Amino acid sequence: MGVLQRFERRLEGMVQGAFARAFGGWVEPVEVAAALTREAEDKKAIVAAGRVLVPNSYVVELGPSDADRLREYDEPLRKELAAMVSEAATERGWSFVGPVDVEFQEVEDLATGAFQVRSAVVAGELPAVPAAPAPPAPGPAEAAPVAPEAFLEIGTRRVPLTAPVVLGRGVEADVQLPDTGVSRRHAQVDGARIQDLGSTNGTRVNGSRVAEADLDDGDRITLGSTEIVFRSGR
């Protein structure tokens, strides 16, 4: 399940559908969540070897009608949106220089149903992450297992393949690709196998269109104009 789907599930359980009633025909929380993820993606910067920095402070600008409807749910929704951005960053290997914060701001000249997102990098103290317990040391007759992990290279991103991953342009995809040539649910990679999900423009592996195919280390997957490299981890 992708980070946006988990966000929607938490909203449903939090107020038993009150969000859906409040936002029917107006600004949808999941649209704001997707926009925050895109903002982080657009503003990411490589600051050191293997470290990608993204903004941690976000302002969502809303028109008067939407801001008024949102006011009742301001604090819990802002917390859920901040948690969603943090989860997305963890999945993609992004980092922050301070805690993630989301604020809503009313803007008079914005129409109902329209919103804008601004972001910034604001230094601050990050919450402490408890250390994971150390695994037991192998006995004298045991050898510590080595389990290479397959992953996808998408530009500077690495997407681990510890579970099936759906690639697509829509919010329902596990990995969103901002490419108009990519379908909402375009293809799925499960371990070392790729399957096209009925996409409009098809899925290509090393230049050849496939419906389903096994992948070898270094194979190049093309979805729309997006190129992805499969790495077996070996």
C-alpha atoms as a PDB file:
ATOM      1  CA  MET A   1       0.000   0.000   0.000  1.00  0.00           C
ATOM      2  CA  GLY A   2       1.424   3.394  -1.002  1.00  0.00           C
ATOM      3  CA  VAL A   3       1.929   6.317   1.367  1.00  0.00           C
ATOM      4  CA  LEU A   4      -1.073   8.249  -0.027  1.00  0.00           C
ATOM      5  CA  GLN A   5      -3.360   5.237   0.415  1.00  0.00           C
ATOM      6  CA  ARG A   6      -2.226   4.895   4.036  1.00  0.00           C
ATOM      7  CA  PHE A   7      -2.923   8.619   4.526  1.00  0.00           C
ATOM      8  CA  GLU A   8      -6.502   8.197   3.227  1.00  0.00           C
ATOM      9  CA  ARG A   9      -7.116   5.167   5.465  1.00  0.00           C
ATOM     10  CA  ARG A  10      -6.008   7.119   8.549  1.00  0.00           C
ATOM     11  CA  LEU A  11      -8.323  10.001   7.665  1.00  0.00           C
ATOM     12  CA  GLU A  12     -11.272   7.621   7.298  1.00  0.00           C
ATOM     13  CA  GLY A  13     -10.670   6.130  10.725  1.00  0.00           C
ATOM     14  CA  MET A  14      -9.877   9.397  12.471  1.00  0.00           C
ATOM     15  CA  VAL A  15     -13.242  11.148  12.147  1.00  0.00           C
ATOM     16  CA  GLN A  16     -15.469   8.417  10.675  1.00  0.00           C
ATOM     17  CA  GLY A  17     -15.995  10.064   7.310  1.00  0.00           C
ATOM     18  CA  ALA A  18     -16.324  13.685   8.492  1.00  0.00           C
ATOM     19  CA  PHE A  19     -13.514  14.711   6.140  1.00  0.00           C
ATOM     20  CA  ALA A  20     -15.274  13.230   3.140  1.00  0.00           C
ATOM     21  CA  ARG A  21     -18.492  15.098   3.997  1.00  0.00           C
ATOM     22  CA  ALA A  22     -16.677  18.371   4.639  1.00  0.00           C
ATOM     23  CA  PHE A  23     -14.668  18.292   1.433  1.00  0.00           C
ATOM     24  CA  GLY A  24     -17.215  16.935  -1.048  1.00  0.00           C
ATOM     25  CA  GLY A  25     -16.877  19.119  -4.169  1.00  0.00           C
ATOM     26  CA  TRP A  26     -14.166  21.265  -2.546  1.00  0.00           C
ATOM     27  CA  VAL A  27     -10.455  20.801  -1.934  1.00  0.00           C
ATOM     28  CA  GLU A  28      -9.784  17.112  -1.220  1.00  0.00           C
ATOM     29  CA  PRO A  29      -7.189  16.263   1.473  1.00  0.00           C
ATOM     30  CA  VAL A  30      -5.620  13.590  -0.750  1.00  0.00           C
ATOM     31  CA  GLU A  31      -5.050  16.234  -3.459  1.00  0.00           C
ATOM     32  CA  VAL A  32      -3.186  18.350  -0.907  1.00  0.00           C
ATOM     33  CA  ALA A  33      -1.189  15.282   0.194  1.00  0.00           C
ATOM     34  CA  ALA A  34      -0.183  14.504  -3.409  1.00  0.00           C
ATOM     35  CA  ALA A  35       0.793  18.159  -3.968  1.00  0.00           C
ATOM     36  CA  LEU A  36       3.036  18.129  -0.873  1.00  0.00           C
ATOM     37  CA  THR A  37       4.793  14.983  -2.132  1.00  0.00           C
ATOM     38  CA  ARG A  38       5.308  16.599  -5.561  1.00  0.00           C
ATOM     39  CA  GLU A  39       6.639  19.769  -3.897  1.00  0.00           C
ATOM     40  CA  ALA A  40       9.202  17.730  -1.949  1.00  0.00           C
ATOM     41  CA  GLU A  41      10.170  15.858  -5.141  1.00  0.00           C
ATOM     42  CA  ASP A  42      10.543  19.099  -7.128  1.00  0.00           C
ATOM     43  CA  LYS A  43      12.633  20.857  -4.454  1.00  0.00           C
ATOM     44  CA  LYS A  44      14.946  17.968  -3.494  1.00  0.00           C
ATOM     45  CA  ALA A  45      18.670  18.669  -3.599  1.00  0.00           C
ATOM     46  CA  ILE A  46      21.701  16.398  -3.329  1.00  0.00           C
ATOM     47  CA  VAL A  47      23.824  17.947  -0.579  1.00  0.00           C
ATOM     48  CA  ALA A  48      26.351  15.137  -0.052  1.00  0.00           C
ATOM     49  CA  ALA A  49      27.161  11.700  -1.358  1.00  0.00           C
ATOM     50  CA  GLY A  50      24.069   9.586  -0.814  1.00  0.00           C
ATOM     51  CA  ARG A  51      22.122  12.372   0.973  1.00  0.00           C
ATOM     52  CA  VAL A  52      19.093  14.043  -0.611  1.00  0.00           C
ATOM     53  CA  LEU A  53      17.643  17.024   1.244  1.00  0.00           C
ATOM     54  CA  VAL A  54      13.974  18.092   0.883  1.00  0.00           C
ATOM     55  CA  PRO A  55      11.966  20.943   2.442  1.00  0.00           C
ATOM     56  CA  ASN A  56      10.480  20.361   5.898  1.00  0.00           C
ATOM     57  CA  SER A  57       8.241  23.459   6.173  1.00  0.00           C
ATOM     58  CA  TYR A  58       5.105  23.626   3.987  1.00  0.00           C
ATOM     59  CA  VAL A  59       2.367  26.258   3.624  1.00  0.00           C
ATOM     60  CA  VAL A  60      -0.888  25.323   1.867  1.00  0.00           C
ATOM     61  CA  GLU A  61      -2.689  28.410   0.560  1.00  0.00           C
ATOM     62  CA  LEU A  62      -6.504  28.080   0.363  1.00  0.00           C
ATOM     63  CA  GLY A  63      -9.344  30.316  -0.758  1.00  0.00           C
ATOM     64  CA  PRO A  64     -11.730  31.705   1.916  1.00  0.00           C
ATOM     65  CA  SER A  65     -14.444  29.032   1.420  1.00  0.00           C
ATOM     66  CA  ASP A  66     -12.045  26.095   1.651  1.00  0.00           C
ATOM     67  CA  ALA A  67     -10.151  27.667   4.570  1.00  0.00           C
ATOM     68  CA  ASP A  68     -13.428  28.104   6.468  1.00  0.00           C
ATOM     69  CA  ARG A  69     -14.461  24.469   5.923  1.00  0.00           C
ATOM     70  CA  LEU A  70     -10.994  23.258   6.887  1.00  0.00           C
ATOM     71  CA  ARG A  71     -10.789  25.177  10.156  1.00  0.00           C
ATOM     72  CA  GLU A  72     -12.625  22.561  12.239  1.00  0.00           C
ATOM     73  CA  TYR A  73     -10.092  19.871  11.225  1.00  0.00           C
ATOM     74  CA  ASP A  74      -7.010  22.107  11.129  1.00  0.00           C
ATOM     75  CA  GLU A  75      -4.769  20.480  13.739  1.00  0.00           C
ATOM     76  CA  PRO A  76      -5.415  16.746  13.100  1.00  0.00           C
ATOM     77  CA  LEU A  77      -5.232  17.193   9.322  1.00  0.00           C
ATOM     78  CA  ARG A  78      -1.972  19.155   9.513  1.00  0.00           C
ATOM     79  CA  LYS A  79      -0.480  16.401  11.690  1.00  0.00           C
ATOM     80  CA  GLU A  80      -1.565  13.691   9.234  1.00  0.00           C
ATOM     81  CA  LEU A  81      -0.153  15.636   6.275  1.00  0.00           C
ATOM     82  CA  ALA A  82       3.167  16.123   8.091  1.00  0.00           C
ATOM     83  CA  ALA A  83       3.271  12.405   8.922  1.00  0.00           C
ATOM     84  CA  MET A  84       2.546  11.576   5.263  1.00  0.00           C
ATOM     85  CA  VAL A  85       5.463  13.747   4.066  1.00  0.00           C
ATOM     86  CA  SER A  86       7.759  12.072   6.632  1.00  0.00           C
ATOM     87  CA  GLU A  87       6.694   8.595   5.469  1.00  0.00           C
ATOM     88  CA  ALA A  88       7.214   9.508   1.814  1.00  0.00           C
ATOM     89  CA  ALA A  89      10.702  10.808   2.630  1.00  0.00           C
ATOM     90  CA  THR A  90      11.579   7.624   4.519  1.00  0.00           C
ATOM     91  CA  GLU A  91      10.468   5.449   1.591  1.00  0.00           C
ATOM     92  CA  ARG A  92      12.526   7.482  -0.891  1.00  0.00           C
ATOM     93  CA  GLY A  93      15.617   7.968   1.278  1.00  0.00           C
ATOM     94  CA  TRP A  94      15.179  11.757   1.623  1.00  0.00           C
ATOM     95  CA  SER A  95      16.286  13.690   4.705  1.00  0.00           C
ATOM     96  CA  PHE A  96      15.306  16.893   6.562  1.00  0.00           C
ATOM     97  CA  VAL A  97      17.191  19.497   8.619  1.00  0.00           C
ATOM     98  CA  GLY A  98      14.298  19.949  11.032  1.00  0.00           C
ATOM     99  CA  PRO A  99      10.850  18.585  11.968  1.00  0.00           C
ATOM    100  CA  VAL A 100       8.189  18.502   9.233  1.00  0.00           C
ATOM    101  CA  ASP A 101       5.526  21.179   9.649  1.00  0.00           C
ATOM    102  CA  VAL A 102       2.409  21.885   7.546  1.00  0.00           C
ATOM    103  CA  GLU A 103       0.415  25.113   7.900  1.00  0.00           C
ATOM    104  CA  PHE A 104      -2.774  26.386   6.200  1.00  0.00           C
ATOM    105  CA  GLN A 105      -3.049  29.986   5.061  1.00  0.00           C
ATOM    106  CA  GLU A 106      -6.132  31.772   3.746  1.00  0.00           C
ATOM    107  CA  VAL A 107      -5.632  33.747   0.509  1.00  0.00           C
ATOM    108  CA  GLU A 108      -8.465  36.039  -0.579  1.00  0.00           C
ATOM    109  CA  ASP A 109      -7.995  35.786  -4.359  1.00  0.00           C
ATOM    110  CA  LEU A 110      -7.937  31.960  -4.531  1.00  0.00           C
ATOM    111  CA  ALA A 111     -11.122  30.383  -5.902  1.00  0.00           C
ATOM    112  CA  THR A 112     -12.983  27.567  -4.152  1.00  0.00           C
ATOM    113  CA  GLY A 113     -11.345  24.217  -4.957  1.00  0.00           C
ATOM    114  CA  ALA A 114      -7.972  25.810  -5.802  1.00  0.00           C
ATOM    115  CA  PHE A 115      -4.885  25.754  -3.613  1.00  0.00           C
ATOM    116  CA  GLN A 116      -1.144  26.468  -3.789  1.00  0.00           C
ATOM    117  CA  VAL A 117       1.822  24.985  -1.920  1.00  0.00           C
ATOM    118  CA  ARG A 118       4.958  26.804  -0.756  1.00  0.00           C
ATOM    119  CA  SER A 119       7.892  25.150   0.979  1.00  0.00           C
ATOM    120  CA  ALA A 120      11.166  25.969   2.699  1.00  0.00           C
ATOM    121  CA  VAL A 121      14.095  24.304   4.425  1.00  0.00           C
ATOM    122  CA  VAL A 122      13.991  25.367   8.091  1.00  0.00           C
ATOM    123  CA  ALA A 123      16.648  24.088  10.476  1.00  0.00           C
ATOM    124  CA  GLY A 124      15.432  22.669  13.774  1.00  0.00           C
ATOM    125  CA  GLU A 125      15.826  19.797  16.184  1.00  0.00           C
ATOM    126  CA  LEU A 126      14.664  16.508  14.701  1.00  0.00           C
ATOM    127  CA  PRO A 127      12.789  14.059  16.972  1.00  0.00           C
ATOM    128  CA  ALA A 128      14.972  11.327  18.379  1.00  0.00           C
ATOM    129  CA  VAL A 129      14.646   7.935  16.715  1.00  0.00           C
ATOM    130  CA  PRO A 130      14.953   5.013  19.171  1.00  0.00           C
ATOM    131  CA  ALA A 131      17.776   2.657  18.316  1.00  0.00           C
ATOM    132  CA  ALA A 132      16.742  -0.760  17.081  1.00  0.00           C
ATOM    133  CA  PRO A 133      17.851  -3.676  19.269  1.00  0.00           C
ATOM    134  CA  ALA A 134      21.012  -5.338  17.996  1.00  0.00           C
ATOM    135  CA  PRO A 135      20.458  -8.786  16.441  1.00  0.00           C
ATOM    136  CA  PRO A 136      21.953 -11.731  18.347  1.00  0.00           C
ATOM    137  CA  ALA A 137      25.503 -12.564  17.315  1.00  0.00           C
ATOM    138  CA  PRO A 138      25.845 -15.757  15.260  1.00  0.00           C
ATOM    139  CA  GLY A 139      27.108 -18.788  17.149  1.00  0.00           C
ATOM    140  CA  PRO A 140      30.544 -20.253  16.462  1.00  0.00           C
ATOM    141  CA  ALA A 141      29.164 -22.656  13.849  1.00  0.00           C
ATOM    142  CA  GLU A 142      26.939 -20.040  12.181  1.00  0.00           C
ATOM    143  CA  ALA A 143      27.730 -17.659   9.345  1.00  0.00           C
ATOM    144  CA  ALA A 144      25.862 -14.366   9.170  1.00  0.00           C
ATOM    145  CA  PRO A 145      23.574 -14.557   6.099  1.00  0.00           C
ATOM    146  CA  VAL A 146      24.018 -12.049   3.307  1.00  0.00           C
ATOM    147  CA  ALA A 147      20.740 -11.140   1.589  1.00  0.00           C
ATOM    148  CA  PRO A 148      21.255  -8.874  -1.405  1.00  0.00           C
ATOM    149  CA  GLU A 149      18.281  -6.596  -2.005  1.00  0.00           C
ATOM    150  CA  ALA A 150      17.015  -5.801  -5.494  1.00  0.00           C
ATOM    151  CA  PHE A 151      16.055  -2.200  -6.211  1.00  0.00           C
ATOM    152  CA  LEU A 152      15.082   0.223  -8.972  1.00  0.00           C
ATOM    153  CA  GLU A 153      17.164   3.265  -9.912  1.00  0.00           C
ATOM    154  CA  ILE A 154      14.958   6.220 -10.934  1.00  0.00           C
ATOM    155  CA  GLY A 155      17.298   9.164 -11.420  1.00  0.00           C
ATOM    156  CA  THR A 156      18.901   9.683  -8.004  1.00  0.00           C
ATOM    157  CA  ARG A 157      16.228   7.620  -6.238  1.00  0.00           C
ATOM    158  CA  ARG A 158      16.547   3.998  -5.146  1.00  0.00           C
ATOM    159  CA  VAL A 159      13.310   2.071  -4.688  1.00  0.00           C
ATOM    160  CA  PRO A 160      13.808  -1.229  -2.778  1.00  0.00           C
ATOM    161  CA  LEU A 161      11.918  -4.249  -4.095  1.00  0.00           C
ATOM    162  CA  THR A 162      11.156  -5.898  -0.768  1.00  0.00           C
ATOM    163  CA  ALA A 163       7.491  -6.074  -1.860  1.00  0.00           C
ATOM    164  CA  PRO A 164       5.637  -5.680  -5.193  1.00  0.00           C
ATOM    165  CA  VAL A 165       5.873  -2.057  -6.394  1.00  0.00           C
ATOM    166  CA  VAL A 166       3.304  -0.380  -8.679  1.00  0.00           C
ATOM    167  CA  LEU A 167       4.730   2.371 -10.883  1.00  0.00           C
ATOM    168  CA  GLY A 168       2.427   5.035 -12.304  1.00  0.00           C
ATOM    169  CA  ARG A 169       1.347   8.661 -12.509  1.00  0.00           C
ATOM    170  CA  GLY A 170      -1.700   8.373 -10.220  1.00  0.00           C
ATOM    171  CA  VAL A 171      -1.893   8.699  -6.444  1.00  0.00           C
ATOM    172  CA  GLU A 172      -2.774   5.001  -6.221  1.00  0.00           C
ATOM    173  CA  ALA A 173       0.714   4.011  -7.459  1.00  0.00           C
ATOM    174  CA  ASP A 174       3.366   3.071  -4.882  1.00  0.00           C
ATOM    175  CA  VAL A 175       5.934   5.131  -6.833  1.00  0.00           C
ATOM    176  CA  GLN A 176       4.552   8.200  -8.600  1.00  0.00           C
ATOM    177  CA  LEU A 177       6.165   9.262 -11.886  1.00  0.00           C
ATOM    178  CA  PRO A 178       5.356  12.841 -12.985  1.00  0.00           C
ATOM    179  CA  ASP A 179       5.337  11.898 -16.677  1.00  0.00           C
ATOM    180  CA  THR A 180       2.318  12.502 -18.945  1.00  0.00           C
ATOM    181  CA  GLY A 181       3.293   9.443 -20.989  1.00  0.00           C
ATOM    182  CA  VAL A 182       2.839   7.212 -17.931  1.00  0.00           C
ATOM    183  CA  SER A 183      -0.563   5.725 -17.054  1.00  0.00           C
ATOM    184  CA  ARG A 184      -2.032   6.088 -13.544  1.00  0.00           C
ATOM    185  CA  ARG A 185      -1.197   2.415 -12.800  1.00  0.00           C
ATOM    186  CA  HIS A 186       1.333   1.633 -15.492  1.00  0.00           C
ATOM    187  CA  ALA A 187       3.410  -1.399 -14.443  1.00  0.00           C
ATOM    188  CA  GLN A 188       4.243  -3.557 -11.447  1.00  0.00           C
ATOM    189  CA  VAL A 189       7.671  -4.895 -10.475  1.00  0.00           C
ATOM    190  CA  ASP A 190       7.642  -7.945  -8.206  1.00  0.00           C
ATOM    191  CA  GLY A 191      11.156  -9.056  -7.361  1.00  0.00           C
ATOM    192  CA  ALA A 192      12.895  -9.638 -10.695  1.00  0.00           C
ATOM    193  CA  ARG A 193       9.737  -9.659 -12.810  1.00  0.00           C
ATOM    194  CA  ILE A 194       7.854  -6.769 -14.426  1.00  0.00           C
ATOM    195  CA  GLN A 195       4.247  -6.784 -15.630  1.00  0.00           C
ATOM    196  CA  ASP A 196       2.478  -4.133 -17.681  1.00  0.00           C
ATOM    197  CA  LEU A 197      -0.884  -3.198 -16.091  1.00  0.00           C
ATOM    198  CA  GLY A 198      -2.727  -2.359 -19.299  1.00  0.00           C
ATOM    199  CA  SER A 199      -0.953   0.964 -19.798  1.00  0.00           C
ATOM    200  CA  THR A 200      -1.730   3.228 -22.753  1.00  0.00           C
ATOM    201  CA  ASN A 201       1.834   3.605 -24.039  1.00  0.00           C
ATOM    202  CA  GLY A 202       3.193   0.228 -23.016  1.00  0.00           C
ATOM    203  CA  THR A 203       6.197  -0.957 -21.027  1.00  0.00           C
ATOM    204  CA  ARG A 204       9.614  -1.465 -22.619  1.00  0.00           C
ATOM    205  CA  VAL A 205      12.592  -3.455 -21.352  1.00  0.00           C
ATOM    206  CA  ASN A 206      15.859  -2.687 -23.151  1.00  0.00           C
ATOM    207  CA  GLY A 207      13.830  -1.104 -25.957  1.00  0.00           C
ATOM    208  CA  SER A 208      11.424  -4.010 -26.529  1.00  0.00           C
ATOM    209  CA  ARG A 209       7.755  -3.726 -25.577  1.00  0.00           C
ATOM    210  CA  VAL A 210       6.698  -6.411 -23.103  1.00  0.00           C
ATOM    211  CA  ALA A 211       3.523  -7.506 -21.364  1.00  0.00           C
ATOM    212  CA  GLU A 212       5.515  -9.401 -18.746  1.00  0.00           C
ATOM    213  CA  ALA A 213       9.221 -10.198 -18.479  1.00  0.00           C
ATOM    214  CA  ASP A 214      11.973 -11.410 -16.169  1.00  0.00           C
ATOM    215  CA  LEU A 215      14.588  -8.793 -15.317  1.00  0.00           C
ATOM    216  CA  ASP A 216      18.372  -9.095 -15.157  1.00  0.00           C
ATOM    217  CA  ASP A 217      20.769  -6.763 -13.401  1.00  0.00           C
ATOM    218  CA  GLY A 218      21.205  -3.554 -15.417  1.00  0.00           C
ATOM    219  CA  ASP A 219      18.050  -3.970 -17.532  1.00  0.00           C
ATOM    220  CA  ARG A 220      16.593  -0.613 -18.590  1.00  0.00           C
ATOM    221  CA  ILE A 221      12.834  -0.153 -18.169  1.00  0.00           C
ATOM    222  CA  THR A 222      11.102   2.644 -20.092  1.00  0.00           C
ATOM    223  CA  LEU A 223       7.685   4.004 -19.052  1.00  0.00           C
ATOM    224  CA  GLY A 224       6.670   7.002 -21.164  1.00  0.00           C
ATOM    225  CA  SER A 225       9.839   9.111 -21.237  1.00  0.00           C
ATOM    226  CA  THR A 226      10.998   7.876 -17.821  1.00  0.00           C
ATOM    227  CA  GLU A 227      13.943   5.474 -17.737  1.00  0.00           C
ATOM    228  CA  ILE A 228      14.418   3.102 -14.825  1.00  0.00           C
ATOM    229  CA  VAL A 229      17.313   0.703 -14.191  1.00  0.00           C
ATOM    230  CA  PHE A 230      16.758  -2.639 -12.458  1.00  0.00           C
ATOM    231  CA  ARG A 231      19.476  -3.720 -10.014  1.00  0.00           C
ATOM    232  CA  SER A 232      19.471  -7.249  -8.686  1.00  0.00           C
ATOM    233  CA  GLY A 233      21.619  -6.328  -5.681  1.00  0.00           C
ATOM    234  CA  ARG A 234      24.146  -9.021  -6.548  1.00  0.00           C
END
